[in-house]
């Protein structure tokens, strides 16, 4: 298998199971025109996140890493009428693009975009004593994933689902000689998933238009 075949299969799945969506297409187009990196989840991955959140009956969703709001829109669409989503973005330009995309999607009353370093924003959410989140999606700077996990757990409840993207790093995660900061951060993150007494976790590899990567998924089973 090669990248061309992976791309072809992703198009096959998206054409049949995701279908075209003008709002999502406009979000990607606006992000590209604004110069944002094309590191959003793929179409079929976006729907995968949507289905996970919907199957779990999530009413409150936290997203760490907004970019242009593509995954934000997918996740917000999974919410019930009284649901809400908080998304955190460090880059003000990215946040502005995302806000416009979210407004165009008709979701501005559901989604709150918070600008600033995610660690600080997470600490503020905790200080504000917000209700726990039902579903948390982590897709931001990789070295900080261990910190995001610890802070996310403080904003969760028993039954909260935590999904993290980009955990495979093109297979580098399993190479003990690799000292890339992104790989080291992800390895520490996975070690904490394995060792934490209050969560159950696994990870899956994915191949497709985004290359060789994958997701971790965790269930908070208790709160100390």
N, C-alpha and C. Protein backbone atom coordinates (compact mmCIF):
# COMPACT_ATOMS: atom_id res chain seq x y z
N UNK A 1 0.85 -1.20 0.00
CA UNK A 1 0.00 0.00 0.00
C UNK A 1 0.88 1.25 0.00
N UNK A 2 0.39 2.32 -0.62
CA UNK A 2 1.14 3.57 -0.66
C UNK A 2 0.18 4.74 -0.46
N UNK A 3 0.75 5.95 -0.40
CA UNK A 3 -0.06 7.12 -0.11
C UNK A 3 -1.16 7.33 -1.14
N UNK A 4 -0.88 7.05 -2.41
CA UNK A 4 -1.90 7.21 -3.45
C UNK A 4 -3.10 6.30 -3.20
N UNK A 5 -2.83 5.07 -2.79
CA UNK A 5 -3.92 4.14 -2.49
C UNK A 5 -4.68 4.58 -1.24
N UNK A 6 -3.96 5.06 -0.23
CA UNK A 6 -4.63 5.55 0.98
C UNK A 6 -5.55 6.72 0.66
N UNK A 7 -5.05 7.66 -0.17
CA UNK A 7 -5.87 8.81 -0.57
C UNK A 7 -7.13 8.34 -1.29
N UNK A 8 -6.95 7.38 -2.18
CA UNK A 8 -8.08 6.87 -2.97
C UNK A 8 -9.13 6.23 -2.07
N UNK A 9 -8.70 5.47 -1.08
CA UNK A 9 -9.65 4.82 -0.18
C UNK A 9 -10.36 5.83 0.72
N UNK A 10 -9.65 6.86 1.15
CA UNK A 10 -10.31 7.91 1.94
C UNK A 10 -11.38 8.61 1.12
N UNK A 11 -11.09 8.88 -0.14
CA UNK A 11 -12.10 9.49 -1.03
C UNK A 11 -13.29 8.56 -1.20
N UNK A 12 -13.01 7.26 -1.33
CA UNK A 12 -14.08 6.27 -1.47
C UNK A 12 -15.01 6.30 -0.26
N UNK A 13 -14.41 6.24 0.94
CA UNK A 13 -15.22 6.27 2.17
C UNK A 13 -15.99 7.58 2.29
N UNK A 14 -15.31 8.68 2.02
CA UNK A 14 -15.95 9.99 2.19
C UNK A 14 -17.09 10.17 1.20
N UNK A 15 -16.90 9.75 -0.04
CA UNK A 15 -17.94 9.89 -1.06
C UNK A 15 -19.19 9.11 -0.69
N UNK A 16 -19.00 7.94 -0.07
CA UNK A 16 -20.15 7.08 0.21
C UNK A 16 -20.73 7.26 1.61
N UNK A 17 -19.90 7.58 2.57
CA UNK A 17 -20.35 7.59 3.96
C UNK A 17 -20.40 8.97 4.59
N UNK A 18 -19.71 9.94 4.01
CA UNK A 18 -19.69 11.28 4.57
C UNK A 18 -20.49 12.24 3.71
N UNK A 19 -20.34 12.13 2.41
CA UNK A 19 -21.03 12.98 1.43
C UNK A 19 -20.51 14.41 1.46
N UNK A 20 -20.82 15.13 0.41
CA UNK A 20 -20.36 16.52 0.29
C UNK A 20 -21.12 17.41 1.27
N UNK A 21 -20.45 18.43 1.76
CA UNK A 21 -21.03 19.34 2.75
C UNK A 21 -20.47 20.72 2.48
N UNK A 22 -21.33 21.64 2.03
CA UNK A 22 -20.87 22.96 1.62
C UNK A 22 -20.24 23.73 2.77
N UNK A 23 -20.81 23.62 3.96
CA UNK A 23 -20.29 24.36 5.11
C UNK A 23 -18.89 23.90 5.47
N UNK A 24 -18.68 22.59 5.51
CA UNK A 24 -17.37 22.05 5.83
C UNK A 24 -16.35 22.37 4.74
N UNK A 25 -16.80 22.29 3.48
CA UNK A 25 -15.91 22.63 2.36
C UNK A 25 -15.50 24.10 2.44
N UNK A 26 -16.43 24.98 2.78
CA UNK A 26 -16.11 26.40 2.92
C UNK A 26 -15.15 26.64 4.07
N UNK A 27 -15.29 25.87 5.14
CA UNK A 27 -14.38 26.01 6.28
C UNK A 27 -12.96 25.66 5.87
N UNK A 28 -12.79 24.59 5.11
CA UNK A 28 -11.47 24.21 4.65
C UNK A 28 -10.91 25.23 3.67
N UNK A 29 -11.77 25.73 2.78
CA UNK A 29 -11.33 26.73 1.80
C UNK A 29 -10.90 28.02 2.48
N UNK A 30 -11.69 28.47 3.46
CA UNK A 30 -11.35 29.70 4.18
C UNK A 30 -10.05 29.53 4.96
N UNK A 31 -9.86 28.35 5.52
CA UNK A 31 -8.63 28.08 6.28
C UNK A 31 -7.42 28.11 5.36
N UNK A 32 -7.56 27.51 4.18
CA UNK A 32 -6.44 27.49 3.23
C UNK A 32 -6.12 28.91 2.75
N UNK A 33 -7.15 29.70 2.45
CA UNK A 33 -6.93 31.07 1.98
C UNK A 33 -6.28 31.93 3.05
N UNK A 34 -6.53 31.62 4.31
CA UNK A 34 -5.94 32.37 5.41
C UNK A 34 -4.52 31.90 5.75
N UNK A 35 -4.06 30.88 5.04
CA UNK A 35 -2.71 30.38 5.26
C UNK A 35 -2.55 29.41 6.41
N UNK A 36 -3.66 28.86 6.91
CA UNK A 36 -3.56 27.89 7.99
C UNK A 36 -2.98 26.58 7.46
N UNK A 37 -2.19 25.87 8.26
CA UNK A 37 -1.66 24.58 7.80
C UNK A 37 -2.77 23.56 7.61
N UNK A 38 -2.61 22.70 6.62
CA UNK A 38 -3.64 21.71 6.31
C UNK A 38 -3.46 20.47 7.20
N UNK A 39 -3.63 20.68 8.49
CA UNK A 39 -3.42 19.58 9.45
C UNK A 39 -4.72 19.20 10.16
N UNK A 40 -5.85 19.65 9.61
CA UNK A 40 -7.15 19.25 10.16
C UNK A 40 -7.37 17.76 9.96
N UNK A 41 -8.29 17.19 10.71
CA UNK A 41 -8.64 15.79 10.50
C UNK A 41 -9.27 15.63 9.11
N UNK A 42 -9.18 14.43 8.58
CA UNK A 42 -9.79 14.12 7.29
C UNK A 42 -11.32 14.07 7.43
N UNK A 43 -12.01 14.10 6.29
CA UNK A 43 -13.48 14.08 6.29
C UNK A 43 -14.04 12.90 7.09
N UNK A 44 -13.54 11.70 6.77
CA UNK A 44 -14.07 10.51 7.45
C UNK A 44 -13.68 10.48 8.92
N UNK A 45 -12.53 11.08 9.27
CA UNK A 45 -12.15 11.18 10.67
C UNK A 45 -13.05 12.17 11.42
N UNK A 46 -13.41 13.26 10.75
CA UNK A 46 -14.33 14.20 11.34
C UNK A 46 -15.65 13.54 11.68
N UNK A 47 -16.15 12.73 10.76
CA UNK A 47 -17.41 12.04 11.04
C UNK A 47 -17.23 10.98 12.13
N UNK A 48 -16.07 10.37 12.17
CA UNK A 48 -15.77 9.42 13.25
C UNK A 48 -15.88 10.10 14.61
N UNK A 49 -15.30 11.29 14.75
CA UNK A 49 -15.40 12.04 16.00
C UNK A 49 -16.85 12.40 16.31
N UNK A 50 -17.57 12.85 15.28
CA UNK A 50 -18.99 13.19 15.42
C UNK A 50 -19.78 12.00 15.96
N UNK A 51 -19.54 10.82 15.39
CA UNK A 51 -20.28 9.63 15.81
C UNK A 51 -19.91 9.22 17.23
N UNK A 52 -18.62 9.31 17.58
CA UNK A 52 -18.22 8.98 18.94
C UNK A 52 -18.94 9.86 19.96
N UNK A 53 -18.95 11.17 19.68
CA UNK A 53 -19.59 12.11 20.61
C UNK A 53 -21.10 11.87 20.67
N UNK A 54 -21.69 11.59 19.52
CA UNK A 54 -23.14 11.39 19.46
C UNK A 54 -23.54 10.09 20.14
N UNK A 55 -22.78 9.03 19.91
CA UNK A 55 -23.10 7.74 20.53
C UNK A 55 -23.00 7.83 22.05
N UNK A 56 -22.07 8.65 22.53
CA UNK A 56 -21.90 8.81 23.96
C UNK A 56 -22.88 9.78 24.59
N UNK A 57 -23.72 10.40 23.77
CA UNK A 57 -24.70 11.34 24.29
C UNK A 57 -24.07 12.58 24.91
N UNK A 58 -22.94 13.01 24.36
CA UNK A 58 -22.22 14.16 24.93
C UNK A 58 -23.07 15.43 24.87
N UNK A 59 -23.14 16.12 26.00
CA UNK A 59 -23.82 17.43 26.07
C UNK A 59 -22.81 18.57 26.22
N UNK A 60 -21.66 18.25 26.79
CA UNK A 60 -20.60 19.24 26.96
C UNK A 60 -19.31 18.69 26.39
N UNK A 61 -18.75 19.40 25.39
CA UNK A 61 -17.55 18.95 24.71
C UNK A 61 -16.45 19.98 24.88
N UNK A 62 -15.24 19.50 25.12
CA UNK A 62 -14.05 20.34 25.19
C UNK A 62 -13.10 19.92 24.07
N UNK A 63 -12.64 20.90 23.30
CA UNK A 63 -11.66 20.64 22.25
C UNK A 63 -10.40 21.44 22.54
N UNK A 64 -9.27 20.78 22.52
CA UNK A 64 -7.98 21.44 22.74
C UNK A 64 -7.26 21.50 21.41
N UNK A 65 -7.26 22.68 20.78
CA UNK A 65 -6.68 22.85 19.46
C UNK A 65 -7.77 23.05 18.42
N UNK A 66 -8.06 24.31 18.09
CA UNK A 66 -9.18 24.64 17.20
C UNK A 66 -8.78 24.66 15.74
N UNK A 67 -7.59 25.21 15.44
CA UNK A 67 -7.14 25.47 14.08
C UNK A 67 -8.22 26.29 13.37
N UNK A 68 -8.76 25.82 12.24
CA UNK A 68 -9.77 26.58 11.52
C UNK A 68 -11.20 26.20 11.86
N UNK A 69 -11.37 25.34 12.86
CA UNK A 69 -12.72 25.00 13.30
C UNK A 69 -13.36 23.84 12.58
N UNK A 70 -12.60 23.11 11.76
CA UNK A 70 -13.20 22.01 11.00
C UNK A 70 -13.71 20.90 11.92
N UNK A 71 -12.84 20.40 12.80
CA UNK A 71 -13.29 19.36 13.73
C UNK A 71 -14.28 19.93 14.73
N UNK A 72 -14.16 21.22 15.03
CA UNK A 72 -15.10 21.88 15.94
C UNK A 72 -16.53 21.76 15.40
N UNK A 73 -16.68 22.03 14.12
CA UNK A 73 -18.00 21.97 13.50
C UNK A 73 -18.56 20.54 13.56
N UNK A 74 -17.71 19.58 13.24
CA UNK A 74 -18.16 18.18 13.31
C UNK A 74 -18.65 17.85 14.73
N UNK A 75 -17.85 18.20 15.73
CA UNK A 75 -18.21 17.86 17.11
C UNK A 75 -19.45 18.62 17.57
N UNK A 76 -19.55 19.89 17.23
CA UNK A 76 -20.70 20.69 17.65
C UNK A 76 -21.99 20.15 17.05
N UNK A 77 -21.92 19.60 15.86
CA UNK A 77 -23.10 19.03 15.22
C UNK A 77 -23.60 17.77 15.95
N UNK A 78 -22.75 17.17 16.77
CA UNK A 78 -23.16 15.98 17.51
C UNK A 78 -23.94 16.32 18.78
N UNK A 79 -23.93 17.59 19.16
CA UNK A 79 -24.56 18.00 20.41
C UNK A 79 -26.09 18.05 20.31
N UNK A 80 -26.77 17.82 21.42
CA UNK A 80 -28.22 18.05 21.45
C UNK A 80 -28.50 19.55 21.47
N UNK A 81 -29.77 19.91 21.41
CA UNK A 81 -30.14 21.33 21.31
C UNK A 81 -29.62 22.16 22.48
N UNK A 82 -29.51 21.56 23.65
CA UNK A 82 -29.05 22.30 24.83
C UNK A 82 -27.57 22.08 25.12
N UNK A 83 -26.83 21.54 24.16
CA UNK A 83 -25.42 21.24 24.36
C UNK A 83 -24.51 22.44 24.15
N UNK A 84 -23.24 22.27 24.51
CA UNK A 84 -22.27 23.35 24.33
C UNK A 84 -20.88 22.77 24.10
N UNK A 85 -20.05 23.56 23.44
CA UNK A 85 -18.68 23.15 23.15
C UNK A 85 -17.74 24.31 23.43
N UNK A 86 -16.66 24.02 24.14
CA UNK A 86 -15.59 25.00 24.37
C UNK A 86 -14.36 24.52 23.61
N UNK A 87 -13.80 25.39 22.77
CA UNK A 87 -12.61 25.03 22.01
C UNK A 87 -11.50 26.03 22.30
N UNK A 88 -10.29 25.53 22.46
CA UNK A 88 -9.15 26.33 22.89
C UNK A 88 -8.14 26.46 21.75
N UNK A 89 -7.71 27.70 21.48
CA UNK A 89 -6.75 27.95 20.39
C UNK A 89 -5.73 28.99 20.83
N UNK A 90 -4.45 28.67 20.65
CA UNK A 90 -3.38 29.58 21.07
C UNK A 90 -3.16 30.72 20.09
N UNK A 91 -3.39 30.46 18.80
CA UNK A 91 -3.10 31.44 17.76
C UNK A 91 -4.34 32.30 17.47
N UNK A 92 -4.22 33.62 17.67
CA UNK A 92 -5.37 34.51 17.49
C UNK A 92 -5.87 34.51 16.06
N UNK A 93 -4.97 34.43 15.08
CA UNK A 93 -5.40 34.40 13.68
C UNK A 93 -6.19 33.13 13.38
N UNK A 94 -5.70 32.01 13.85
CA UNK A 94 -6.43 30.76 13.68
C UNK A 94 -7.82 30.86 14.31
N UNK A 95 -7.87 31.44 15.51
CA UNK A 95 -9.15 31.57 16.22
C UNK A 95 -10.13 32.44 15.45
N UNK A 96 -9.63 33.51 14.82
CA UNK A 96 -10.50 34.39 14.03
C UNK A 96 -11.08 33.65 12.83
N UNK A 97 -10.24 32.87 12.17
CA UNK A 97 -10.71 32.08 11.02
C UNK A 97 -11.75 31.07 11.49
N UNK A 98 -11.45 30.41 12.60
CA UNK A 98 -12.37 29.40 13.14
C UNK A 98 -13.70 30.03 13.52
N UNK A 99 -13.66 31.20 14.15
CA UNK A 99 -14.89 31.86 14.57
C UNK A 99 -15.78 32.16 13.38
N UNK A 100 -15.17 32.65 12.28
CA UNK A 100 -15.95 32.93 11.07
C UNK A 100 -16.54 31.64 10.50
N UNK A 101 -15.77 30.56 10.50
CA UNK A 101 -16.28 29.29 10.00
C UNK A 101 -17.41 28.75 10.87
N UNK A 102 -17.28 28.92 12.17
CA UNK A 102 -18.31 28.46 13.10
C UNK A 102 -19.59 29.27 12.92
N UNK A 103 -19.46 30.58 12.74
CA UNK A 103 -20.63 31.43 12.51
C UNK A 103 -21.31 31.05 11.21
N UNK A 104 -20.53 30.80 10.17
CA UNK A 104 -21.09 30.41 8.88
C UNK A 104 -21.85 29.08 9.00
N UNK A 105 -21.40 28.23 9.91
CA UNK A 105 -22.06 26.94 10.13
C UNK A 105 -23.30 27.06 11.01
N UNK A 106 -23.58 28.27 11.52
CA UNK A 106 -24.74 28.47 12.37
C UNK A 106 -24.57 27.91 13.76
N UNK A 107 -23.32 27.85 14.24
CA UNK A 107 -23.05 27.21 15.52
C UNK A 107 -22.46 28.15 16.56
N UNK A 108 -22.48 29.45 16.29
CA UNK A 108 -21.85 30.40 17.21
C UNK A 108 -22.54 30.45 18.57
N UNK A 109 -23.81 30.10 18.62
CA UNK A 109 -24.51 30.10 19.91
C UNK A 109 -24.18 28.86 20.75
N UNK A 110 -23.56 27.87 20.12
CA UNK A 110 -23.23 26.61 20.77
C UNK A 110 -21.76 26.54 21.16
N UNK A 111 -20.91 27.19 20.33
CA UNK A 111 -19.45 27.06 20.47
C UNK A 111 -18.85 28.32 21.06
N UNK A 112 -17.97 28.13 22.04
CA UNK A 112 -17.19 29.23 22.62
C UNK A 112 -15.72 29.00 22.28
N UNK A 113 -15.12 29.96 21.54
CA UNK A 113 -13.71 29.88 21.18
C UNK A 113 -12.91 30.71 22.19
N UNK A 114 -11.98 30.06 22.87
CA UNK A 114 -11.15 30.76 23.86
C UNK A 114 -9.72 30.84 23.33
N UNK A 115 -9.18 32.05 23.30
CA UNK A 115 -7.85 32.29 22.74
C UNK A 115 -6.83 32.39 23.86
N UNK A 116 -5.71 31.72 23.68
CA UNK A 116 -4.64 31.74 24.67
C UNK A 116 -3.99 30.38 24.77
N UNK A 117 -2.90 30.29 25.50
CA UNK A 117 -2.25 29.01 25.69
C UNK A 117 -3.22 28.05 26.37
N UNK A 118 -3.29 26.84 25.84
CA UNK A 118 -4.30 25.90 26.32
C UNK A 118 -4.13 25.56 27.80
N UNK A 119 -2.90 25.45 28.26
CA UNK A 119 -2.68 25.15 29.68
C UNK A 119 -3.31 26.23 30.54
N UNK A 120 -3.15 27.49 30.14
CA UNK A 120 -3.75 28.59 30.90
C UNK A 120 -5.27 28.56 30.81
N UNK A 121 -5.79 28.31 29.61
CA UNK A 121 -7.24 28.26 29.44
C UNK A 121 -7.86 27.12 30.24
N UNK A 122 -7.19 25.99 30.27
CA UNK A 122 -7.69 24.85 31.05
C UNK A 122 -7.69 25.17 32.54
N UNK A 123 -6.63 25.85 32.99
CA UNK A 123 -6.57 26.24 34.40
C UNK A 123 -7.69 27.21 34.75
N UNK A 124 -8.01 28.12 33.80
CA UNK A 124 -9.10 29.07 34.05
C UNK A 124 -10.44 28.36 34.10
N UNK A 125 -10.65 27.40 33.23
CA UNK A 125 -11.89 26.64 33.26
C UNK A 125 -12.06 25.95 34.61
N UNK A 126 -10.97 25.40 35.12
CA UNK A 126 -11.05 24.73 36.42
C UNK A 126 -11.32 25.74 37.53
N UNK A 127 -10.64 26.90 37.44
CA UNK A 127 -10.85 27.93 38.46
C UNK A 127 -12.27 28.44 38.45
N UNK A 128 -12.89 28.47 37.26
CA UNK A 128 -14.27 28.92 37.12
C UNK A 128 -15.27 27.85 37.56
N UNK A 129 -14.77 26.67 37.90
CA UNK A 129 -15.61 25.56 38.37
C UNK A 129 -16.71 25.20 37.36
N UNK A 130 -16.31 25.11 36.09
CA UNK A 130 -17.29 24.74 35.07
C UNK A 130 -17.71 23.29 35.30
N UNK A 131 -18.92 22.93 34.88
CA UNK A 131 -19.34 21.53 35.00
C UNK A 131 -18.40 20.63 34.20
N UNK A 132 -18.28 19.37 34.56
CA UNK A 132 -17.38 18.46 33.84
C UNK A 132 -17.82 18.27 32.40
N UNK A 133 -16.85 17.98 31.55
CA UNK A 133 -17.14 17.72 30.15
C UNK A 133 -17.39 16.23 29.94
N UNK A 134 -18.23 15.94 28.94
CA UNK A 134 -18.56 14.55 28.62
C UNK A 134 -17.61 13.95 27.59
N UNK A 135 -17.06 14.82 26.75
CA UNK A 135 -16.21 14.36 25.64
C UNK A 135 -15.11 15.39 25.45
N UNK A 136 -13.85 14.93 25.39
CA UNK A 136 -12.71 15.83 25.24
C UNK A 136 -11.87 15.36 24.06
N UNK A 137 -11.56 16.28 23.15
CA UNK A 137 -10.74 15.97 21.98
C UNK A 137 -9.46 16.78 22.05
N UNK A 138 -8.32 16.10 22.06
CA UNK A 138 -7.01 16.75 22.14
C UNK A 138 -6.33 16.67 20.78
N UNK A 139 -6.04 17.83 20.20
CA UNK A 139 -5.37 17.88 18.89
C UNK A 139 -4.59 19.19 18.81
N UNK A 140 -3.51 19.27 19.55
CA UNK A 140 -2.76 20.52 19.64
C UNK A 140 -1.26 20.20 19.66
N UNK A 141 -0.45 21.07 20.27
CA UNK A 141 1.00 20.87 20.29
C UNK A 141 1.35 19.62 21.08
N UNK A 142 2.11 18.75 20.45
CA UNK A 142 2.32 17.40 20.97
C UNK A 142 3.14 17.34 22.27
N UNK A 143 4.18 18.16 22.45
CA UNK A 143 4.93 18.08 23.70
C UNK A 143 4.08 18.35 24.95
N UNK A 144 2.99 19.08 24.78
CA UNK A 144 2.15 19.43 25.92
C UNK A 144 1.03 18.42 26.17
N UNK A 145 0.93 17.36 25.38
CA UNK A 145 -0.14 16.38 25.57
C UNK A 145 -0.20 15.83 27.00
N UNK A 146 0.94 15.51 27.65
CA UNK A 146 0.84 15.01 29.03
C UNK A 146 0.16 16.01 29.97
N UNK A 147 0.48 17.31 29.80
CA UNK A 147 -0.16 18.33 30.62
C UNK A 147 -1.65 18.44 30.30
N UNK A 148 -1.98 18.35 29.01
CA UNK A 148 -3.39 18.44 28.62
C UNK A 148 -4.19 17.28 29.21
N UNK A 149 -3.57 16.12 29.27
CA UNK A 149 -4.27 14.97 29.86
C UNK A 149 -4.57 15.22 31.34
N UNK A 150 -3.58 15.64 32.08
CA UNK A 150 -3.77 15.85 33.51
C UNK A 150 -4.84 16.91 33.78
N UNK A 151 -4.80 18.00 33.02
CA UNK A 151 -5.78 19.07 33.21
C UNK A 151 -7.16 18.64 32.73
N UNK A 152 -7.20 17.87 31.65
CA UNK A 152 -8.49 17.37 31.16
C UNK A 152 -9.16 16.47 32.19
N UNK A 153 -8.37 15.66 32.86
CA UNK A 153 -8.94 14.76 33.88
C UNK A 153 -9.57 15.54 35.02
N UNK A 154 -9.03 16.72 35.30
CA UNK A 154 -9.60 17.55 36.35
C UNK A 154 -10.92 18.20 35.91
N UNK A 155 -11.18 18.16 34.61
CA UNK A 155 -12.41 18.74 34.05
C UNK A 155 -13.36 17.66 33.56
N UNK A 156 -13.15 16.44 34.00
CA UNK A 156 -13.95 15.32 33.53
C UNK A 156 -14.76 14.71 34.67
N UNK A 157 -15.47 13.66 34.35
CA UNK A 157 -16.27 12.90 35.32
C UNK A 157 -16.12 11.43 34.97
N UNK A 158 -16.60 10.56 35.83
CA UNK A 158 -16.65 9.14 35.47
C UNK A 158 -17.53 8.99 34.24
N UNK A 159 -17.00 8.39 33.20
CA UNK A 159 -17.74 8.23 31.95
C UNK A 159 -17.29 9.17 30.85
N UNK A 160 -16.49 10.18 31.17
CA UNK A 160 -15.98 11.09 30.15
C UNK A 160 -15.08 10.32 29.18
N UNK A 161 -15.22 10.63 27.90
CA UNK A 161 -14.39 10.04 26.85
C UNK A 161 -13.34 11.07 26.42
N UNK A 162 -12.08 10.65 26.37
CA UNK A 162 -10.99 11.52 25.94
C UNK A 162 -10.34 10.91 24.71
N UNK A 163 -10.37 11.63 23.61
CA UNK A 163 -9.76 11.18 22.35
C UNK A 163 -8.60 12.10 22.01
N UNK A 164 -7.46 11.54 21.63
CA UNK A 164 -6.30 12.33 21.24
C UNK A 164 -5.86 11.93 19.84
N UNK A 165 -5.52 12.92 19.03
CA UNK A 165 -5.10 12.69 17.65
C UNK A 165 -3.58 12.68 17.55
N UNK A 166 -3.10 12.09 16.45
CA UNK A 166 -1.67 12.12 16.06
C UNK A 166 -0.77 11.37 17.03
N UNK A 167 -1.22 10.23 17.53
CA UNK A 167 -0.43 9.52 18.54
C UNK A 167 0.60 8.55 17.95
N UNK A 168 0.59 8.34 16.64
CA UNK A 168 1.48 7.35 16.04
C UNK A 168 2.75 7.99 15.50
N UNK A 169 2.64 9.23 15.01
CA UNK A 169 3.79 9.98 14.51
C UNK A 169 4.54 9.21 13.43
N UNK A 170 3.80 8.67 12.45
CA UNK A 170 4.40 7.92 11.34
C UNK A 170 5.26 6.76 11.85
N UNK A 171 4.85 6.16 12.93
CA UNK A 171 5.55 5.01 13.48
C UNK A 171 6.72 5.34 14.37
N UNK A 172 7.05 6.60 14.49
CA UNK A 172 8.24 7.00 15.27
C UNK A 172 8.04 6.77 16.76
N UNK A 173 6.82 6.68 17.19
CA UNK A 173 6.52 6.54 18.61
C UNK A 173 7.15 5.29 19.21
N UNK A 174 7.32 4.24 18.38
CA UNK A 174 7.85 2.98 18.87
C UNK A 174 9.36 2.87 18.72
N UNK A 175 10.02 3.92 18.24
CA UNK A 175 11.46 3.92 18.05
C UNK A 175 12.13 4.56 19.26
N UNK A 176 12.75 3.78 20.12
CA UNK A 176 13.33 4.33 21.35
C UNK A 176 14.50 5.28 21.09
N UNK A 177 15.05 5.27 19.89
CA UNK A 177 16.16 6.15 19.56
C UNK A 177 15.69 7.52 19.10
N UNK A 178 14.40 7.66 18.83
CA UNK A 178 13.89 8.93 18.32
C UNK A 178 13.68 9.91 19.47
N UNK A 179 14.32 11.08 19.37
CA UNK A 179 14.24 12.08 20.44
C UNK A 179 13.56 13.36 19.98
N UNK A 180 12.78 13.29 18.90
CA UNK A 180 12.01 14.45 18.47
C UNK A 180 11.06 14.87 19.61
N UNK A 181 10.98 16.18 19.90
CA UNK A 181 10.12 16.62 21.02
C UNK A 181 8.67 16.17 20.89
N UNK A 182 8.15 16.15 19.66
CA UNK A 182 6.77 15.69 19.48
C UNK A 182 6.63 14.22 19.86
N UNK A 183 7.62 13.43 19.46
CA UNK A 183 7.58 12.00 19.77
C UNK A 183 7.75 11.77 21.26
N UNK A 184 8.68 12.48 21.88
CA UNK A 184 8.88 12.33 23.33
C UNK A 184 7.63 12.72 24.11
N UNK A 185 6.99 13.82 23.69
CA UNK A 185 5.76 14.25 24.36
C UNK A 185 4.68 13.21 24.22
N UNK A 186 4.56 12.64 23.03
CA UNK A 186 3.51 11.64 22.80
C UNK A 186 3.80 10.36 23.56
N UNK A 187 5.08 9.99 23.65
CA UNK A 187 5.45 8.78 24.38
C UNK A 187 5.12 8.94 25.87
N UNK A 188 5.41 10.11 26.41
CA UNK A 188 5.06 10.37 27.81
C UNK A 188 3.56 10.34 28.01
N UNK A 189 2.83 10.93 27.06
CA UNK A 189 1.36 10.92 27.11
C UNK A 189 0.83 9.49 27.15
N UNK A 190 1.34 8.63 26.27
CA UNK A 190 0.87 7.25 26.22
C UNK A 190 1.26 6.49 27.49
N UNK A 191 2.45 6.79 28.04
CA UNK A 191 2.84 6.17 29.30
C UNK A 191 1.85 6.55 30.41
N UNK A 192 1.43 7.79 30.41
CA UNK A 192 0.48 8.23 31.45
C UNK A 192 -0.89 7.59 31.25
N UNK A 193 -1.29 7.42 29.99
CA UNK A 193 -2.54 6.69 29.74
C UNK A 193 -2.44 5.27 30.29
N UNK A 194 -1.29 4.65 30.11
CA UNK A 194 -1.12 3.27 30.54
C UNK A 194 -1.11 3.13 32.05
N UNK A 195 -0.53 4.13 32.72
CA UNK A 195 -0.30 4.00 34.17
C UNK A 195 -1.39 4.63 35.03
N UNK A 196 -2.24 5.46 34.46
CA UNK A 196 -3.20 6.19 35.29
C UNK A 196 -4.28 5.25 35.82
N UNK A 197 -4.51 5.26 37.12
CA UNK A 197 -5.47 4.31 37.70
C UNK A 197 -6.93 4.63 37.41
N UNK A 198 -7.23 5.85 36.96
CA UNK A 198 -8.62 6.26 36.81
C UNK A 198 -9.14 6.21 35.38
N UNK A 199 -8.32 5.73 34.45
CA UNK A 199 -8.78 5.68 33.05
C UNK A 199 -8.41 4.34 32.41
N UNK A 200 -9.21 3.95 31.43
CA UNK A 200 -8.91 2.81 30.57
C UNK A 200 -8.67 3.35 29.17
N UNK A 201 -7.63 2.86 28.51
CA UNK A 201 -7.23 3.46 27.23
C UNK A 201 -6.79 2.40 26.23
N UNK A 202 -6.88 2.78 24.96
CA UNK A 202 -6.25 2.03 23.89
C UNK A 202 -5.88 3.03 22.80
N UNK A 203 -5.19 2.55 21.77
CA UNK A 203 -4.84 3.39 20.63
C UNK A 203 -4.96 2.57 19.36
N UNK A 204 -5.30 3.25 18.28
CA UNK A 204 -5.41 2.57 16.98
C UNK A 204 -4.59 3.33 15.95
N UNK A 205 -3.98 2.59 15.02
CA UNK A 205 -3.30 3.20 13.90
C UNK A 205 -4.31 3.52 12.80
N UNK A 206 -4.05 4.57 12.06
CA UNK A 206 -4.85 4.89 10.89
C UNK A 206 -3.92 5.20 9.72
N UNK A 207 -4.37 4.86 8.53
CA UNK A 207 -3.69 5.30 7.31
C UNK A 207 -4.74 5.94 6.40
N UNK A 208 -4.34 6.95 5.67
CA UNK A 208 -5.29 7.63 4.80
C UNK A 208 -4.69 8.90 4.25
N UNK A 209 -5.54 9.86 3.94
CA UNK A 209 -5.07 11.10 3.33
C UNK A 209 -4.15 11.89 4.26
N UNK A 210 -4.18 11.60 5.56
CA UNK A 210 -3.29 12.25 6.52
C UNK A 210 -2.06 11.42 6.82
N UNK A 211 -1.82 10.38 6.01
CA UNK A 211 -0.65 9.55 6.20
C UNK A 211 -0.85 8.49 7.25
N UNK A 212 0.26 8.08 7.87
CA UNK A 212 0.25 7.01 8.87
C UNK A 212 0.22 7.65 10.25
N UNK A 213 -0.88 7.48 10.95
CA UNK A 213 -1.00 8.09 12.27
C UNK A 213 -2.03 7.31 13.08
N UNK A 214 -2.75 7.99 13.97
CA UNK A 214 -3.74 7.27 14.75
C UNK A 214 -4.30 8.08 15.90
N UNK A 215 -5.23 7.47 16.62
CA UNK A 215 -5.92 8.07 17.74
C UNK A 215 -5.73 7.22 18.99
N UNK A 216 -5.74 7.88 20.14
CA UNK A 216 -5.95 7.16 21.40
C UNK A 216 -7.36 7.47 21.86
N UNK A 217 -7.93 6.56 22.61
CA UNK A 217 -9.25 6.80 23.18
C UNK A 217 -9.23 6.27 24.62
N UNK A 218 -9.74 7.08 25.52
CA UNK A 218 -9.73 6.75 26.94
C UNK A 218 -11.11 6.97 27.54
N UNK A 219 -11.43 6.15 28.52
CA UNK A 219 -12.66 6.29 29.28
C UNK A 219 -12.30 6.55 30.73
N UNK A 220 -12.79 7.65 31.28
CA UNK A 220 -12.58 7.92 32.69
C UNK A 220 -13.50 6.99 33.48
N UNK A 221 -12.91 6.13 34.28
CA UNK A 221 -13.74 5.13 34.97
C UNK A 221 -14.03 5.49 36.41
N UNK A 222 -13.26 6.42 36.98
CA UNK A 222 -13.53 6.86 38.34
C UNK A 222 -12.88 8.20 38.56
N UNK A 223 -13.31 8.89 39.59
CA UNK A 223 -12.72 10.18 39.98
C UNK A 223 -12.28 10.09 41.42
N UNK A 224 -10.98 10.35 41.62
CA UNK A 224 -10.43 10.27 42.97
C UNK A 224 -11.05 11.35 43.85
